[in-house]
Amino acid sequence: MTPADVARLVQRHGETVILRSLASLPAGVDVAVKARVTGFQPAELVGDIRQGDRRVVIAHAEIAALPWPSSPAQAPKLGDRMIIGGKTVTIMAVDTRKLGDEIAGHWIVVRG
């Protein structure tokens, strides 16, 4: 799977969410992105994953094109927020995945 494949899958099967950076407080920064949002299966509830947590996948190509005030890799950070279906959730973990030297996307765990 290539970074372009990740972007296509998220565009095809994702929903629009708001990604909110708290790095620029007091104003913060909100950007709308497509994201694939899924729940965890009971067998996946291990470690810090709790019932009700959700997995969110964002293609890196989309976030890289936005005015996102983060690291050079432009990954969301722990504690940033998302608004999914009108509900605000907190980013609990971010796994930025690369294919070779290119960032494909960000696999995120949210809670709330």
PDB file of N, CA and C in Angstrom:
ATOM      1  N   MET A   1       0.845  -1.175   0.000  1.00  0.00           N
ATOM      2  CA  MET A   1       0.000   0.000   0.000  1.00  0.00           C
ATOM      3  C   MET A   1       0.892   1.241   0.000  1.00  0.00           C
ATOM      4  N   THR A   2       0.576   2.178  -0.840  1.00  0.00           N
ATOM      5  CA  THR A   2       1.342   3.420  -0.967  1.00  0.00           C
ATOM      6  C   THR A   2       0.630   4.557  -0.214  1.00  0.00           C
ATOM      7  N   PRO A   3       1.319   5.684   0.012  1.00  0.00           N
ATOM      8  CA  PRO A   3       0.635   6.830   0.616  1.00  0.00           C
ATOM      9  C   PRO A   3      -0.582   7.280  -0.199  1.00  0.00           C
ATOM     10  N   ALA A   4      -0.501   7.179  -1.524  1.00  0.00           N
ATOM     11  CA  ALA A   4      -1.652   7.534  -2.367  1.00  0.00           C
ATOM     12  C   ALA A   4      -2.817   6.580  -2.131  1.00  0.00           C
ATOM     13  N   ASP A   5      -2.529   5.295  -1.887  1.00  0.00           N
ATOM     14  CA  ASP A   5      -3.584   4.325  -1.581  1.00  0.00           C
ATOM     15  C   ASP A   5      -4.289   4.691  -0.279  1.00  0.00           C
ATOM     16  N   VAL A   6      -3.504   5.074   0.733  1.00  0.00           N
ATOM     17  CA  VAL A   6      -4.086   5.482   2.016  1.00  0.00           C
ATOM     18  C   VAL A   6      -5.006   6.683   1.795  1.00  0.00           C
ATOM     19  N   ALA A   7      -4.537   7.664   1.039  1.00  0.00           N
ATOM     20  CA  ALA A   7      -5.339   8.862   0.770  1.00  0.00           C
ATOM     21  C   ALA A   7      -6.633   8.507   0.044  1.00  0.00           C
ATOM     22  N   ARG A   8      -6.558   7.628  -0.951  1.00  0.00           N
ATOM     23  CA  ARG A   8      -7.757   7.221  -1.689  1.00  0.00           C
ATOM     24  C   ARG A   8      -8.755   6.497  -0.790  1.00  0.00           C
ATOM     25  N   LEU A   9      -8.270   5.591   0.049  1.00  0.00           N
ATOM     26  CA  LEU A   9      -9.156   4.840   0.936  1.00  0.00           C
ATOM     27  C   LEU A   9      -9.860   5.757   1.941  1.00  0.00           C
ATOM     28  N   VAL A  10      -9.110   6.702   2.497  1.00  0.00           N
ATOM     29  CA  VAL A  10      -9.717   7.626   3.456  1.00  0.00           C
ATOM     30  C   VAL A  10     -10.740   8.506   2.741  1.00  0.00           C
ATOM     31  N   GLN A  11     -10.424   8.995   1.552  1.00  0.00           N
ATOM     32  CA  GLN A  11     -11.374   9.821   0.800  1.00  0.00           C
ATOM     33  C   GLN A  11     -12.635   9.040   0.451  1.00  0.00           C
ATOM     34  N   ARG A  12     -12.476   7.793   0.083  1.00  0.00           N
ATOM     35  CA  ARG A  12     -13.610   6.967  -0.348  1.00  0.00           C
ATOM     36  C   ARG A  12     -14.485   6.535   0.830  1.00  0.00           C
ATOM     37  N   HIS A  13     -13.861   6.180   1.954  1.00  0.00           N
ATOM     38  CA  HIS A  13     -14.609   5.584   3.065  1.00  0.00           C
ATOM     39  C   HIS A  13     -14.653   6.454   4.315  1.00  0.00           C
ATOM     40  N   GLY A  14     -14.100   7.650   4.229  1.00  0.00           N
ATOM     41  CA  GLY A  14     -14.014   8.502   5.412  1.00  0.00           C
ATOM     42  C   GLY A  14     -15.172   9.473   5.541  1.00  0.00           C
ATOM     43  N   GLU A  15     -15.161  10.163   6.657  1.00  0.00           N
ATOM     44  CA  GLU A  15     -16.132  11.209   6.943  1.00  0.00           C
ATOM     45  C   GLU A  15     -15.355  12.471   7.299  1.00  0.00           C
ATOM     46  N   THR A  16     -16.009  13.608   7.180  1.00  0.00           N
ATOM     47  CA  THR A  16     -15.346  14.857   7.523  1.00  0.00           C
ATOM     48  C   THR A  16     -15.359  15.053   9.032  1.00  0.00           C
ATOM     49  N   VAL A  17     -14.195  15.329   9.589  1.00  0.00           N
ATOM     50  CA  VAL A  17     -14.046  15.625  11.015  1.00  0.00           C
ATOM     51  C   VAL A  17     -13.285  16.940  11.138  1.00  0.00           C
ATOM     52  N   ILE A  18     -13.353  17.536  12.308  1.00  0.00           N
ATOM     53  CA  ILE A  18     -12.588  18.749  12.596  1.00  0.00           C
ATOM     54  C   ILE A  18     -11.417  18.349  13.476  1.00  0.00           C
ATOM     55  N   LEU A  19     -10.233  18.720  13.072  1.00  0.00           N
ATOM     56  CA  LEU A  19      -9.022  18.492  13.845  1.00  0.00           C
ATOM     57  C   LEU A  19      -8.667  19.820  14.494  1.00  0.00           C
ATOM     58  N   ARG A  20      -8.537  19.815  15.828  1.00  0.00           N
ATOM     59  CA  ARG A  20      -8.306  21.055  16.570  1.00  0.00           C
ATOM     60  C   ARG A  20      -6.955  20.982  17.284  1.00  0.00           C
ATOM     61  N   SER A  21      -6.059  21.866  16.881  1.00  0.00           N
ATOM     62  CA  SER A  21      -4.749  21.946  17.530  1.00  0.00           C
ATOM     63  C   SER A  21      -4.845  22.873  18.727  1.00  0.00           C
ATOM     64  N   LEU A  22      -4.289  22.424  19.837  1.00  0.00           N
ATOM     65  CA  LEU A  22      -4.240  23.280  21.018  1.00  0.00           C
ATOM     66  C   LEU A  22      -2.881  23.955  21.145  1.00  0.00           C
ATOM     67  N   ALA A  23      -1.999  23.713  20.158  1.00  0.00           N
ATOM     68  CA  ALA A  23      -0.649  24.285  20.194  1.00  0.00           C
ATOM     69  C   ALA A  23      -0.662  25.794  20.049  1.00  0.00           C
ATOM     70  N   SER A  24      -1.705  26.343  19.451  1.00  0.00           N
ATOM     71  CA  SER A  24      -1.766  27.781  19.178  1.00  0.00           C
ATOM     72  C   SER A  24      -2.730  28.500  20.115  1.00  0.00           C
ATOM     73  N   LEU A  25      -2.823  28.032  21.346  1.00  0.00           N
ATOM     74  CA  LEU A  25      -3.737  28.676  22.290  1.00  0.00           C
ATOM     75  C   LEU A  25      -3.338  30.129  22.504  1.00  0.00           C
ATOM     76  N   PRO A  26      -4.245  31.059  22.768  1.00  0.00           N
ATOM     77  CA  PRO A  26      -5.598  30.775  23.198  1.00  0.00           C
ATOM     78  C   PRO A  26      -6.564  30.521  22.056  1.00  0.00           C
ATOM     79  N   ALA A  27      -6.217  30.888  20.822  1.00  0.00           N
ATOM     80  CA  ALA A  27      -7.177  30.764  19.723  1.00  0.00           C
ATOM     81  C   ALA A  27      -7.318  29.323  19.233  1.00  0.00           C
ATOM     82  N   GLY A  28      -6.225  28.557  19.169  1.00  0.00           N
ATOM     83  CA  GLY A  28      -6.292  27.218  18.595  1.00  0.00           C
ATOM     84  C   GLY A  28      -6.459  27.291  17.096  1.00  0.00           C
ATOM     85  N   VAL A  29      -6.351  26.166  16.445  1.00  0.00           N
ATOM     86  CA  VAL A  29      -6.526  26.096  15.001  1.00  0.00           C
ATOM     87  C   VAL A  29      -7.410  24.899  14.683  1.00  0.00           C
ATOM     88  N   ASP A  30      -8.453  25.109  13.893  1.00  0.00           N
ATOM     89  CA  ASP A  30      -9.336  24.034  13.450  1.00  0.00           C
ATOM     90  C   ASP A  30      -9.171  23.844  11.956  1.00  0.00           C
ATOM     91  N   VAL A  31      -9.061  22.580  11.531  1.00  0.00           N
ATOM     92  CA  VAL A  31      -9.059  22.254  10.108  1.00  0.00           C
ATOM     93  C   VAL A  31     -10.006  21.081   9.886  1.00  0.00           C
ATOM     94  N   ALA A  32     -10.685  21.099   8.759  1.00  0.00           N
ATOM     95  CA  ALA A  32     -11.570  19.994   8.385  1.00  0.00           C
ATOM     96  C   ALA A  32     -10.779  19.010   7.532  1.00  0.00           C
ATOM     97  N   VAL A  33     -10.846  17.733   7.887  1.00  0.00           N
ATOM     98  CA  VAL A  33     -10.157  16.683   7.138  1.00  0.00           C
ATOM     99  C   VAL A  33     -11.078  15.486   6.989  1.00  0.00           C
ATOM    100  N   LYS A  34     -10.804  14.678   5.987  1.00  0.00           N
ATOM    101  CA  LYS A  34     -11.486  13.391   5.853  1.00  0.00           C
ATOM    102  C   LYS A  34     -10.756  12.408   6.740  1.00  0.00           C
ATOM    103  N   ALA A  35     -11.505  11.563   7.422  1.00  0.00           N
ATOM    104  CA  ALA A  35     -10.912  10.578   8.319  1.00  0.00           C
ATOM    105  C   ALA A  35     -11.753   9.311   8.307  1.00  0.00           C
ATOM    106  N   ARG A  36     -11.077   8.205   8.422  1.00  0.00           N
ATOM    107  CA  ARG A  36     -11.765   6.911   8.563  1.00  0.00           C
ATOM    108  C   ARG A  36     -11.872   6.640  10.056  1.00  0.00           C
ATOM    109  N   VAL A  37     -13.094   6.612  10.578  1.00  0.00           N
ATOM    110  CA  VAL A  37     -13.339   6.454  12.006  1.00  0.00           C
ATOM    111  C   VAL A  37     -13.966   5.087  12.252  1.00  0.00           C
ATOM    112  N   THR A  38     -13.340   4.289  13.112  1.00  0.00           N
ATOM    113  CA  THR A  38     -13.866   2.972  13.459  1.00  0.00           C
ATOM    114  C   THR A  38     -13.716   2.739  14.957  1.00  0.00           C
ATOM    115  N   GLY A  39     -14.496   1.811  15.463  1.00  0.00           N
ATOM    116  CA  GLY A  39     -14.364   1.405  16.860  1.00  0.00           C
ATOM    117  C   GLY A  39     -13.349   0.284  16.967  1.00  0.00           C
ATOM    118  N   PHE A  40     -13.090  -0.127  18.191  1.00  0.00           N
ATOM    119  CA  PHE A  40     -12.204  -1.257  18.451  1.00  0.00           C
ATOM    120  C   PHE A  40     -13.044  -2.484  18.752  1.00  0.00           C
ATOM    121  N   GLN A  41     -12.588  -3.639  18.315  1.00  0.00           N
ATOM    122  CA  GLN A  41     -13.225  -4.910  18.635  1.00  0.00           C
ATOM    123  C   GLN A  41     -12.870  -5.281  20.075  1.00  0.00           C
ATOM    124  N   PRO A  42     -13.706  -6.081  20.746  1.00  0.00           N
ATOM    125  CA  PRO A  42     -13.401  -6.465  22.130  1.00  0.00           C
ATOM    126  C   PRO A  42     -11.996  -7.045  22.311  1.00  0.00           C
ATOM    127  N   ALA A  43     -11.520  -7.827  21.363  1.00  0.00           N
ATOM    128  CA  ALA A  43     -10.186  -8.426  21.478  1.00  0.00           C
ATOM    129  C   ALA A  43      -9.075  -7.386  21.394  1.00  0.00           C
ATOM    130  N   GLU A  44      -9.390  -6.182  20.874  1.00  0.00           N
ATOM    131  CA  GLU A  44      -8.392  -5.118  20.748  1.00  0.00           C
ATOM    132  C   GLU A  44      -8.322  -4.231  21.993  1.00  0.00           C
ATOM    133  N   LEU A  45      -9.165  -4.479  22.976  1.00  0.00           N
ATOM    134  CA  LEU A  45      -9.193  -3.658  24.186  1.00  0.00           C
ATOM    135  C   LEU A  45      -8.106  -4.131  25.140  1.00  0.00           C
ATOM    136  N   VAL A  46      -6.885  -3.781  24.795  1.00  0.00           N
ATOM    137  CA  VAL A  46      -5.718  -4.162  25.595  1.00  0.00           C
ATOM    138  C   VAL A  46      -4.906  -2.911  25.897  1.00  0.00           C
ATOM    139  N   GLY A  47      -4.045  -3.001  26.887  1.00  0.00           N
ATOM    140  CA  GLY A  47      -3.205  -1.859  27.248  1.00  0.00           C
ATOM    141  C   GLY A  47      -4.064  -0.677  27.643  1.00  0.00           C
ATOM    142  N   ASP A  48      -3.821   0.472  27.024  1.00  0.00           N
ATOM    143  CA  ASP A  48      -4.554   1.696  27.355  1.00  0.00           C
ATOM    144  C   ASP A  48      -5.836   1.877  26.546  1.00  0.00           C
ATOM    145  N   ILE A  49      -6.145   0.934  25.646  1.00  0.00           N
ATOM    146  CA  ILE A  49      -7.356   1.047  24.833  1.00  0.00           C
ATOM    147  C   ILE A  49      -8.562   0.668  25.688  1.00  0.00           C
ATOM    148  N   ARG A  50      -9.567   1.548  25.723  1.00  0.00           N
ATOM    149  CA  ARG A  50     -10.774   1.317  26.517  1.00  0.00           C
ATOM    150  C   ARG A  50     -11.995   1.175  25.625  1.00  0.00           C
ATOM    151  N   GLN A  51     -13.026   0.555  26.164  1.00  0.00           N
ATOM    152  CA  GLN A  51     -14.290   0.479  25.457  1.00  0.00           C
ATOM    153  C   GLN A  51     -14.775   1.903  25.199  1.00  0.00           C
ATOM    154  N   GLY A  52     -15.194   2.182  23.986  1.00  0.00           N
ATOM    155  CA  GLY A  52     -15.634   3.517  23.601  1.00  0.00           C
ATOM    156  C   GLY A  52     -14.568   4.324  22.876  1.00  0.00           C
ATOM    157  N   ASP A  53     -13.293   3.934  23.006  1.00  0.00           N
ATOM    158  CA  ASP A  53     -12.242   4.595  22.227  1.00  0.00           C
ATOM    159  C   ASP A  53     -12.475   4.312  20.751  1.00  0.00           C
ATOM    160  N   ARG A  54     -11.978   5.180  19.904  1.00  0.00           N
ATOM    161  CA  ARG A  54     -12.105   4.981  18.460  1.00  0.00           C
ATOM    162  C   ARG A  54     -10.763   5.161  17.779  1.00  0.00           C
ATOM    163  N   ARG A  55     -10.620   4.483  16.638  1.00  0.00           N
ATOM    164  CA  ARG A  55      -9.428   4.593  15.796  1.00  0.00           C
ATOM    165  C   ARG A  55      -9.794   5.524  14.640  1.00  0.00           C
ATOM    166  N   VAL A  56      -8.910   6.502  14.387  1.00  0.00           N
ATOM    167  CA  VAL A  56      -9.123   7.473  13.320  1.00  0.00           C
ATOM    168  C   VAL A  56      -7.881   7.460  12.430  1.00  0.00           C
ATOM    169  N   VAL A  57      -8.092   7.304  11.129  1.00  0.00           N
ATOM    170  CA  VAL A  57      -6.983   7.322  10.179  1.00  0.00           C
ATOM    171  C   VAL A  57      -7.126   8.567   9.304  1.00  0.00           C
ATOM    172  N   ILE A  58      -6.041   9.349   9.256  1.00  0.00           N
ATOM    173  CA  ILE A  58      -5.986  10.541   8.414  1.00  0.00           C
ATOM    174  C   ILE A  58      -4.818  10.378   7.448  1.00  0.00           C
ATOM    175  N   ALA A  59      -5.069  10.605   6.162  1.00  0.00           N
ATOM    176  CA  ALA A  59      -3.997  10.547   5.169  1.00  0.00           C
ATOM    177  C   ALA A  59      -3.072  11.741   5.365  1.00  0.00           C
ATOM    178  N   HIS A  60      -1.778  11.493   5.337  1.00  0.00           N
ATOM    179  CA  HIS A  60      -0.816  12.576   5.546  1.00  0.00           C
ATOM    180  C   HIS A  60      -0.887  13.619   4.433  1.00  0.00           C
ATOM    181  N   ALA A  61      -1.150  13.204   3.210  1.00  0.00           N
ATOM    182  CA  ALA A  61      -1.192  14.152   2.094  1.00  0.00           C
ATOM    183  C   ALA A  61      -2.217  15.253   2.343  1.00  0.00           C
ATOM    184  N   GLU A  62      -3.326  14.905   2.969  1.00  0.00           N
ATOM    185  CA  GLU A  62      -4.358  15.915   3.216  1.00  0.00           C
ATOM    186  C   GLU A  62      -3.925  16.890   4.313  1.00  0.00           C
ATOM    187  N   ILE A  63      -3.421  16.389   5.410  1.00  0.00           N
ATOM    188  CA  ILE A  63      -3.045  17.285   6.507  1.00  0.00           C
ATOM    189  C   ILE A  63      -1.827  18.139   6.141  1.00  0.00           C
ATOM    190  N   ALA A  64      -0.940  17.600   5.311  1.00  0.00           N
ATOM    191  CA  ALA A  64       0.251  18.354   4.902  1.00  0.00           C
ATOM    192  C   ALA A  64      -0.113  19.577   4.063  1.00  0.00           C
ATOM    193  N   ALA A  65      -1.281  19.542   3.415  1.00  0.00           N
ATOM    194  CA  ALA A  65      -1.708  20.652   2.567  1.00  0.00           C
ATOM    195  C   ALA A  65      -2.467  21.731   3.348  1.00  0.00           C
ATOM    196  N   LEU A  66      -2.646  21.523   4.647  1.00  0.00           N
ATOM    197  CA  LEU A  66      -3.436  22.446   5.463  1.00  0.00           C
ATOM    198  C   LEU A  66      -2.543  23.281   6.380  1.00  0.00           C
ATOM    199  N   PRO A  67      -3.056  24.396   6.877  1.00  0.00           N
ATOM    200  CA  PRO A  67      -2.287  25.233   7.809  1.00  0.00           C
ATOM    201  C   PRO A  67      -2.305  24.639   9.222  1.00  0.00           C
ATOM    202  N   TRP A  68      -1.672  23.507   9.380  1.00  0.00           N
ATOM    203  CA  TRP A  68      -1.685  22.791  10.660  1.00  0.00           C
ATOM    204  C   TRP A  68      -0.425  23.139  11.444  1.00  0.00           C
ATOM    205  N   PRO A  69      -0.543  23.721  12.639  1.00  0.00           N
ATOM    206  CA  PRO A  69       0.608  24.218  13.402  1.00  0.00           C
ATOM    207  C   PRO A  69       1.260  23.136  14.253  1.00  0.00           C
ATOM    208  N   SER A  70       1.937  22.233  13.615  1.00  0.00           N
ATOM    209  CA  SER A  70       2.519  21.126  14.365  1.00  0.00           C
ATOM    210  C   SER A  70       3.955  20.928  13.935  1.00  0.00           C
ATOM    211  N   SER A  71       4.483  19.775  14.267  1.00  0.00           N
ATOM    212  CA  SER A  71       5.868  19.446  13.942  1.00  0.00           C
ATOM    213  C   SER A  71       6.063  19.421  12.440  1.00  0.00           C
ATOM    214  N   PRO A  72       7.314  19.326  11.979  1.00  0.00           N
ATOM    215  CA  PRO A  72       7.542  19.239  10.534  1.00  0.00           C
ATOM    216  C   PRO A  72       6.794  18.084   9.893  1.00  0.00           C
ATOM    217  N   ALA A  73       6.582  17.004  10.629  1.00  0.00           N
ATOM    218  CA  ALA A  73       5.820  15.882  10.082  1.00  0.00           C
ATOM    219  C   ALA A  73       4.330  16.178  10.071  1.00  0.00           C
ATOM    220  N   GLN A  74       3.918  17.260  10.725  1.00  0.00           N
ATOM    221  CA  GLN A  74       2.533  17.711  10.789  1.00  0.00           C
ATOM    222  C   GLN A  74       1.592  16.666  11.373  1.00  0.00           C
ATOM    223  N   ALA A  75       2.079  15.888  12.287  1.00  0.00           N
ATOM    224  CA  ALA A  75       1.222  14.905  12.946  1.00  0.00           C
ATOM    225  C   ALA A  75       0.424  15.583  14.049  1.00  0.00           C
ATOM    226  N   PRO A  76      -0.834  15.189  14.223  1.00  0.00           N
ATOM    227  CA  PRO A  76      -1.556  15.651  15.405  1.00  0.00           C
ATOM    228  C   PRO A  76      -0.807  15.198  16.658  1.00  0.00           C
ATOM    229  N   LYS A  77      -1.020  15.905  17.747  1.00  0.00           N
ATOM    230  CA  LYS A  77      -0.298  15.604  18.985  1.00  0.00           C
ATOM    231  C   LYS A  77      -1.253  15.115  20.072  1.00  0.00           C
ATOM    232  N   LEU A  78      -0.684  14.433  21.059  1.00  0.00           N
ATOM    233  CA  LEU A  78      -1.454  14.020  22.219  1.00  0.00           C
ATOM    234  C   LEU A  78      -2.108  15.243  22.840  1.00  0.00           C
ATOM    235  N   GLY A  79      -3.360  15.112  23.185  1.00  0.00           N
ATOM    236  CA  GLY A  79      -4.082  16.224  23.798  1.00  0.00           C
ATOM    237  C   GLY A  79      -4.802  17.119  22.820  1.00  0.00           C
ATOM    238  N   ASP A  80      -4.429  17.078  21.524  1.00  0.00           N
ATOM    239  CA  ASP A  80      -5.207  17.816  20.537  1.00  0.00           C
ATOM    240  C   ASP A  80      -6.619  17.229  20.536  1.00  0.00           C
ATOM    241  N   ARG A  81      -7.539  17.897  19.898  1.00  0.00           N
ATOM    242  CA  ARG A  81      -8.933  17.464  19.894  1.00  0.00           C
ATOM    243  C   ARG A  81      -9.410  17.170  18.481  1.00  0.00           C
ATOM    244  N   MET A  82     -10.500  16.430  18.398  1.00  0.00           N
ATOM    245  CA  MET A  82     -11.224  16.201  17.155  1.00  0.00           C
ATOM    246  C   MET A  82     -12.699  16.365  17.445  1.00  0.00           C
ATOM    247  N   ILE A  83     -13.422  16.811  16.460  1.00  0.00           N
ATOM    248  CA  ILE A  83     -14.878  16.850  16.560  1.00  0.00           C
ATOM    249  C   ILE A  83     -15.387  15.856  15.519  1.00  0.00           C
ATOM    250  N   ILE A  84     -16.014  14.798  16.018  1.00  0.00           N
ATOM    251  CA  ILE A  84     -16.524  13.715  15.177  1.00  0.00           C
ATOM    252  C   ILE A  84     -18.025  13.632  15.395  1.00  0.00           C
ATOM    253  N   GLY A  85     -18.783  13.876  14.348  1.00  0.00           N
ATOM    254  CA  GLY A  85     -20.238  13.824  14.479  1.00  0.00           C
ATOM    255  C   GLY A  85     -20.768  14.771  15.537  1.00  0.00           C
ATOM    256  N   GLY A  86     -20.141  15.927  15.690  1.00  0.00           N
ATOM    257  CA  GLY A  86     -20.577  16.925  16.651  1.00  0.00           C
ATOM    258  C   GLY A  86     -20.066  16.717  18.069  1.00  0.00           C
ATOM    259  N   LYS A  87     -19.341  15.631  18.307  1.00  0.00           N
ATOM    260  CA  LYS A  87     -18.830  15.330  19.647  1.00  0.00           C
ATOM    261  C   LYS A  87     -17.327  15.578  19.700  1.00  0.00           C
ATOM    262  N   THR A  88     -16.877  16.306  20.714  1.00  0.00           N
ATOM    263  CA  THR A  88     -15.452  16.589  20.881  1.00  0.00           C
ATOM    264  C   THR A  88     -14.779  15.439  21.619  1.00  0.00           C
ATOM    265  N   VAL A  89     -13.683  14.950  21.043  1.00  0.00           N
ATOM    266  CA  VAL A  89     -12.900  13.863  21.630  1.00  0.00           C
ATOM    267  C   VAL A  89     -11.446  14.313  21.739  1.00  0.00           C
ATOM    268  N   THR A  90     -10.697  13.621  22.580  1.00  0.00           N
ATOM    269  CA  THR A  90      -9.295  13.951  22.824  1.00  0.00           C
ATOM    270  C   THR A  90      -8.387  12.910  22.191  1.00  0.00           C
ATOM    271  N   ILE A  91      -7.317  13.370  21.572  1.00  0.00           N
ATOM    272  CA  ILE A  91      -6.336  12.456  20.983  1.00  0.00           C
ATOM    273  C   ILE A  91      -5.492  11.865  22.104  1.00  0.00           C
ATOM    274  N   MET A  92      -5.516  10.522  22.197  1.00  0.00           N
ATOM    275  CA  MET A  92      -4.806   9.801  23.249  1.00  0.00           C
ATOM    276  C   MET A  92      -3.493   9.191  22.752  1.00  0.00           C
ATOM    277  N   ALA A  93      -3.414   8.891  21.458  1.00  0.00           N
ATOM    278  CA  ALA A  93      -2.208   8.283  20.884  1.00  0.00           C
ATOM    279  C   ALA A  93      -2.172   8.570  19.394  1.00  0.00           C
ATOM    280  N   VAL A  94      -0.961   8.737  18.867  1.00  0.00           N
ATOM    281  CA  VAL A  94      -0.761   8.973  17.435  1.00  0.00           C
ATOM    282  C   VAL A  94       0.351   8.050  16.955  1.00  0.00           C
ATOM    283  N   ASP A  95       0.060   7.289  15.918  1.00  0.00           N
ATOM    284  CA  ASP A  95       1.049   6.417  15.284  1.00  0.00           C
ATOM    285  C   ASP A  95       1.203   6.903  13.842  1.00  0.00           C
ATOM    286  N   THR A  96       2.272   7.649  13.580  1.00  0.00           N
ATOM    287  CA  THR A  96       2.545   8.137  12.231  1.00  0.00           C
ATOM    288  C   THR A  96       3.267   7.032  11.487  1.00  0.00           C
ATOM    289  N   ARG A  97       2.680   6.581  10.370  1.00  0.00           N
ATOM    290  CA  ARG A  97       3.228   5.443   9.638  1.00  0.00           C
ATOM    291  C   ARG A  97       3.851   5.890   8.317  1.00  0.00           C
ATOM    292  N   LYS A  98       5.042   5.328   8.075  1.00  0.00           N
ATOM    293  CA  LYS A  98       5.780   5.632   6.851  1.00  0.00           C
ATOM    294  C   LYS A  98       5.833   4.410   5.948  1.00  0.00           C
ATOM    295  N   LEU A  99       5.940   4.668   4.677  1.00  0.00           N
ATOM    296  CA  LEU A  99       6.248   3.650   3.680  1.00  0.00           C
ATOM    297  C   LEU A  99       7.547   4.117   3.040  1.00  0.00           C
ATOM    298  N   GLY A 100       8.626   3.436   3.384  1.00  0.00           N
ATOM    299  CA  GLY A 100       9.942   3.923   2.980  1.00  0.00           C
ATOM    300  C   GLY A 100      10.214   5.217   3.725  1.00  0.00           C
ATOM    301  N   ASP A 101      10.571   6.258   2.999  1.00  0.00           N
ATOM    302  CA  ASP A 101      10.851   7.556   3.608  1.00  0.00           C
ATOM    303  C   ASP A 101       9.652   8.488   3.589  1.00  0.00           C
ATOM    304  N   GLU A 102       8.532   8.036   3.058  1.00  0.00           N
ATOM    305  CA  GLU A 102       7.365   8.901   2.884  1.00  0.00           C
ATOM    306  C   GLU A 102       6.300   8.589   3.932  1.00  0.00           C
ATOM    307  N   ILE A 103       5.756   9.630   4.566  1.00  0.00           N
ATOM    308  CA  ILE A 103       4.688   9.451   5.546  1.00  0.00           C
ATOM    309  C   ILE A 103       3.395   9.138   4.803  1.00  0.00           C
ATOM    310  N   ALA A 104       2.752   8.036   5.182  1.00  0.00           N
ATOM    311  CA  ALA A 104       1.503   7.615   4.546  1.00  0.00           C
ATOM    312  C   ALA A 104       0.291   8.196   5.263  1.00  0.00           C
ATOM    313  N   GLY A 105       0.319   8.152   6.586  1.00  0.00           N
ATOM    314  CA  GLY A 105      -0.844   8.634   7.323  1.00  0.00           C
ATOM    315  C   GLY A 105      -0.610   8.580   8.812  1.00  0.00           C
ATOM    316  N   HIS A 106      -1.656   8.974   9.528  1.00  0.00           N
ATOM    317  CA  HIS A 106      -1.612   9.034  10.977  1.00  0.00           C
ATOM    318  C   HIS A 106      -2.749   8.173  11.519  1.00  0.00           C
ATOM    319  N   TRP A 107      -2.407   7.151  12.291  1.00  0.00           N
ATOM    320  CA  TRP A 107      -3.374   6.277  12.928  1.00  0.00           C
ATOM    321  C   TRP A 107      -3.501   6.790  14.362  1.00  0.00           C
ATOM    322  N   ILE A 108      -4.704   7.221  14.723  1.00  0.00           N
ATOM    323  CA  ILE A 108      -4.927   7.980  15.955  1.00  0.00           C
ATOM    324  C   ILE A 108      -5.956   7.251  16.823  1.00  0.00           C
ATOM    325  N   VAL A 109      -5.737   7.278  18.130  1.00  0.00           N
ATOM    326  CA  VAL A 109      -6.729   6.787  19.088  1.00  0.00           C
ATOM    327  C   VAL A 109      -7.325   7.996  19.784  1.00  0.00           C
ATOM    328  N   VAL A 110      -8.683   8.066  19.774  1.00  0.00           N
ATOM    329  CA  VAL A 110      -9.370   9.183  20.436  1.00  0.00           C
ATOM    330  C   VAL A 110     -10.290   8.641  21.527  1.00  0.00           C
ATOM    331  N   ARG A 111     -10.530   9.496  22.482  1.00  0.00           N
ATOM    332  CA  ARG A 111     -11.392   9.121  23.615  1.00  0.00           C
ATOM    333  C   ARG A 111     -12.281  10.302  23.977  1.00  0.00           C
ATOM    334  N   GLY A 112     -13.501   9.968  24.380  1.00  0.00           N
ATOM    335  CA  GLY A 112     -14.392  11.022  24.890  1.00  0.00           C
ATOM    336  C   GLY A 112     -15.773  10.942  24.325  1.00  0.00           C
TER     337      GLY A 112
END
